[in-house]
Amino acid sequence: MWGGYNNLNLNDLHSLLIGFDIIKRFRVGYSYTFTKIFNSSGLNMHEFLLGIRLK
């Protein structure tokens, strides 16, 4: 399991990330990007992530 937080100075964007690894090779996750958390007047994006670990 992994999680993270990212803060970009571009339009004051923040991102919360959470996910888990499957068989130590594949990665599944979720990202919520926002300018004001849980506020519909700002920018809000929901993303589902699917990837392959390179290492």
N, C-alpha and C. Protein backbone atom coordinates (compact mmCIF):
# COMPACT_ATOMS: atom_id res chain seq x y z
N MET A 1 0.85 -1.16 0.00
CA MET A 1 0.00 0.00 0.00
C MET A 1 0.90 1.23 0.00
N TRP A 2 0.45 2.27 -0.68
CA TRP A 2 1.21 3.52 -0.74
C TRP A 2 0.25 4.69 -0.75
N GLY A 3 0.73 5.84 -0.37
CA GLY A 3 -0.07 7.05 -0.36
C GLY A 3 0.85 8.25 -0.49
N GLY A 4 0.27 9.38 -0.83
CA GLY A 4 1.10 10.56 -0.97
C GLY A 4 0.30 11.83 -1.08
N TYR A 5 1.04 12.93 -1.04
CA TYR A 5 0.46 14.26 -1.15
C TYR A 5 1.38 15.08 -2.04
N ASN A 6 0.81 15.88 -2.92
CA ASN A 6 1.59 16.72 -3.83
C ASN A 6 0.98 18.11 -3.84
N ASN A 7 1.83 19.13 -3.81
CA ASN A 7 1.37 20.52 -3.85
C ASN A 7 2.10 21.22 -4.98
N LEU A 8 1.37 21.64 -6.02
CA LEU A 8 1.95 22.37 -7.14
C LEU A 8 1.64 23.86 -6.99
N ASN A 9 2.60 24.70 -7.31
CA ASN A 9 2.38 26.15 -7.24
C ASN A 9 1.52 26.66 -8.39
N LEU A 10 1.25 25.84 -9.37
CA LEU A 10 0.40 26.21 -10.50
C LEU A 10 -1.06 26.23 -10.05
N ASN A 11 -1.64 27.41 -9.92
CA ASN A 11 -3.04 27.58 -9.48
C ASN A 11 -3.30 26.95 -8.11
N ASP A 12 -2.27 26.80 -7.29
CA ASP A 12 -2.39 26.26 -5.93
C ASP A 12 -3.07 24.89 -5.92
N LEU A 13 -2.62 23.99 -6.81
CA LEU A 13 -3.19 22.64 -6.90
C LEU A 13 -2.61 21.73 -5.82
N HIS A 14 -3.46 20.90 -5.24
CA HIS A 14 -3.06 19.89 -4.27
C HIS A 14 -3.56 18.54 -4.77
N SER A 15 -2.82 17.47 -4.47
CA SER A 15 -3.25 16.13 -4.87
C SER A 15 -3.06 15.16 -3.71
N LEU A 16 -4.05 14.33 -3.47
CA LEU A 16 -3.97 13.22 -2.54
C LEU A 16 -3.98 11.94 -3.35
N LEU A 17 -3.04 11.03 -3.05
CA LEU A 17 -2.93 9.78 -3.80
C LEU A 17 -2.94 8.60 -2.84
N ILE A 18 -3.58 7.52 -3.25
CA ILE A 18 -3.58 6.29 -2.48
C ILE A 18 -3.65 5.12 -3.46
N GLY A 19 -3.03 4.01 -3.11
CA GLY A 19 -3.08 2.86 -3.99
C GLY A 19 -2.40 1.65 -3.38
N PHE A 20 -2.31 0.60 -4.17
CA PHE A 20 -1.67 -0.63 -3.71
C PHE A 20 -1.04 -1.34 -4.89
N ASP A 21 -0.09 -2.21 -4.58
CA ASP A 21 0.60 -3.01 -5.59
C ASP A 21 -0.01 -4.41 -5.64
N ILE A 22 -0.09 -4.96 -6.84
CA ILE A 22 -0.60 -6.31 -7.04
C ILE A 22 0.57 -7.17 -7.49
N ILE A 23 0.88 -8.20 -6.74
CA ILE A 23 1.95 -9.14 -7.04
C ILE A 23 3.29 -8.42 -7.27
N LYS A 24 3.52 -7.31 -6.57
CA LYS A 24 4.76 -6.52 -6.64
C LYS A 24 5.11 -6.06 -8.05
N ARG A 25 4.20 -6.11 -8.99
CA ARG A 25 4.50 -5.73 -10.37
C ARG A 25 3.52 -4.68 -10.91
N PHE A 26 2.24 -4.84 -10.62
CA PHE A 26 1.23 -3.92 -11.12
C PHE A 26 0.79 -2.98 -10.01
N ARG A 27 0.38 -1.78 -10.38
CA ARG A 27 0.01 -0.76 -9.41
C ARG A 27 -1.37 -0.20 -9.76
N VAL A 28 -2.25 -0.14 -8.77
CA VAL A 28 -3.59 0.41 -8.91
C VAL A 28 -3.72 1.54 -7.90
N GLY A 29 -4.31 2.67 -8.34
CA GLY A 29 -4.40 3.79 -7.42
C GLY A 29 -5.53 4.73 -7.74
N TYR A 30 -5.66 5.72 -6.87
CA TYR A 30 -6.68 6.75 -7.00
C TYR A 30 -6.05 8.09 -6.63
N SER A 31 -6.40 9.13 -7.37
CA SER A 31 -5.88 10.47 -7.12
C SER A 31 -7.03 11.46 -7.09
N TYR A 32 -7.00 12.33 -6.09
CA TYR A 32 -7.97 13.42 -5.98
C TYR A 32 -7.19 14.73 -6.02
N THR A 33 -7.39 15.54 -7.05
CA THR A 33 -6.70 16.81 -7.22
C THR A 33 -7.70 17.94 -7.01
N PHE A 34 -7.29 18.97 -6.27
CA PHE A 34 -8.22 20.03 -5.91
C PHE A 34 -7.49 21.34 -5.66
N THR A 35 -8.23 22.44 -5.74
CA THR A 35 -7.72 23.74 -5.31
C THR A 35 -8.24 24.06 -3.91
N LYS A 36 -9.49 23.70 -3.63
CA LYS A 36 -10.07 23.83 -2.29
C LYS A 36 -10.75 22.50 -2.00
N ILE A 37 -10.31 21.81 -0.97
CA ILE A 37 -10.75 20.44 -0.72
C ILE A 37 -12.28 20.38 -0.51
N PHE A 38 -12.90 19.45 -1.21
CA PHE A 38 -14.34 19.18 -1.15
C PHE A 38 -15.19 20.44 -1.37
N ASN A 39 -14.70 21.34 -2.23
CA ASN A 39 -15.43 22.56 -2.55
C ASN A 39 -15.72 22.54 -4.05
N SER A 40 -16.98 22.55 -4.42
CA SER A 40 -17.34 22.42 -5.83
C SER A 40 -17.05 23.67 -6.65
N SER A 41 -16.76 24.81 -6.01
CA SER A 41 -16.48 26.03 -6.77
C SER A 41 -15.05 26.05 -7.31
N GLY A 42 -14.17 25.21 -6.80
CA GLY A 42 -12.80 25.14 -7.28
C GLY A 42 -12.61 23.98 -8.24
N LEU A 43 -11.38 23.80 -8.68
CA LEU A 43 -11.04 22.69 -9.58
C LEU A 43 -10.97 21.39 -8.79
N ASN A 44 -11.68 20.37 -9.23
CA ASN A 44 -11.67 19.05 -8.60
C ASN A 44 -11.55 17.99 -9.70
N MET A 45 -10.58 17.08 -9.56
CA MET A 45 -10.41 15.99 -10.52
C MET A 45 -10.25 14.68 -9.76
N HIS A 46 -10.90 13.64 -10.25
CA HIS A 46 -10.77 12.30 -9.72
C HIS A 46 -10.13 11.45 -10.82
N GLU A 47 -9.07 10.71 -10.47
CA GLU A 47 -8.40 9.86 -11.46
C GLU A 47 -8.17 8.48 -10.86
N PHE A 48 -8.36 7.47 -11.67
CA PHE A 48 -7.99 6.11 -11.31
C PHE A 48 -6.74 5.75 -12.09
N LEU A 49 -5.78 5.15 -11.42
CA LEU A 49 -4.47 4.89 -12.01
C LEU A 49 -4.24 3.39 -12.13
N LEU A 50 -3.64 2.98 -13.22
CA LEU A 50 -3.23 1.60 -13.44
C LEU A 50 -1.85 1.64 -14.07
N GLY A 51 -0.89 0.95 -13.48
CA GLY A 51 0.46 1.04 -14.00
C GLY A 51 1.27 -0.22 -13.75
N ILE A 52 2.49 -0.19 -14.26
CA ILE A 52 3.46 -1.27 -14.09
C ILE A 52 4.68 -0.71 -13.41
N ARG A 53 5.17 -1.37 -12.38
CA ARG A 53 6.38 -0.94 -11.70
C ARG A 53 7.59 -1.26 -12.56
N LEU A 54 8.49 -0.32 -12.69
CA LEU A 54 9.67 -0.52 -13.52
C LEU A 54 10.80 -1.20 -12.76
N LYS A 55 10.85 -1.05 -11.46
CA LYS A 55 11.92 -1.68 -10.67
C LYS A 55 11.42 -2.91 -9.99
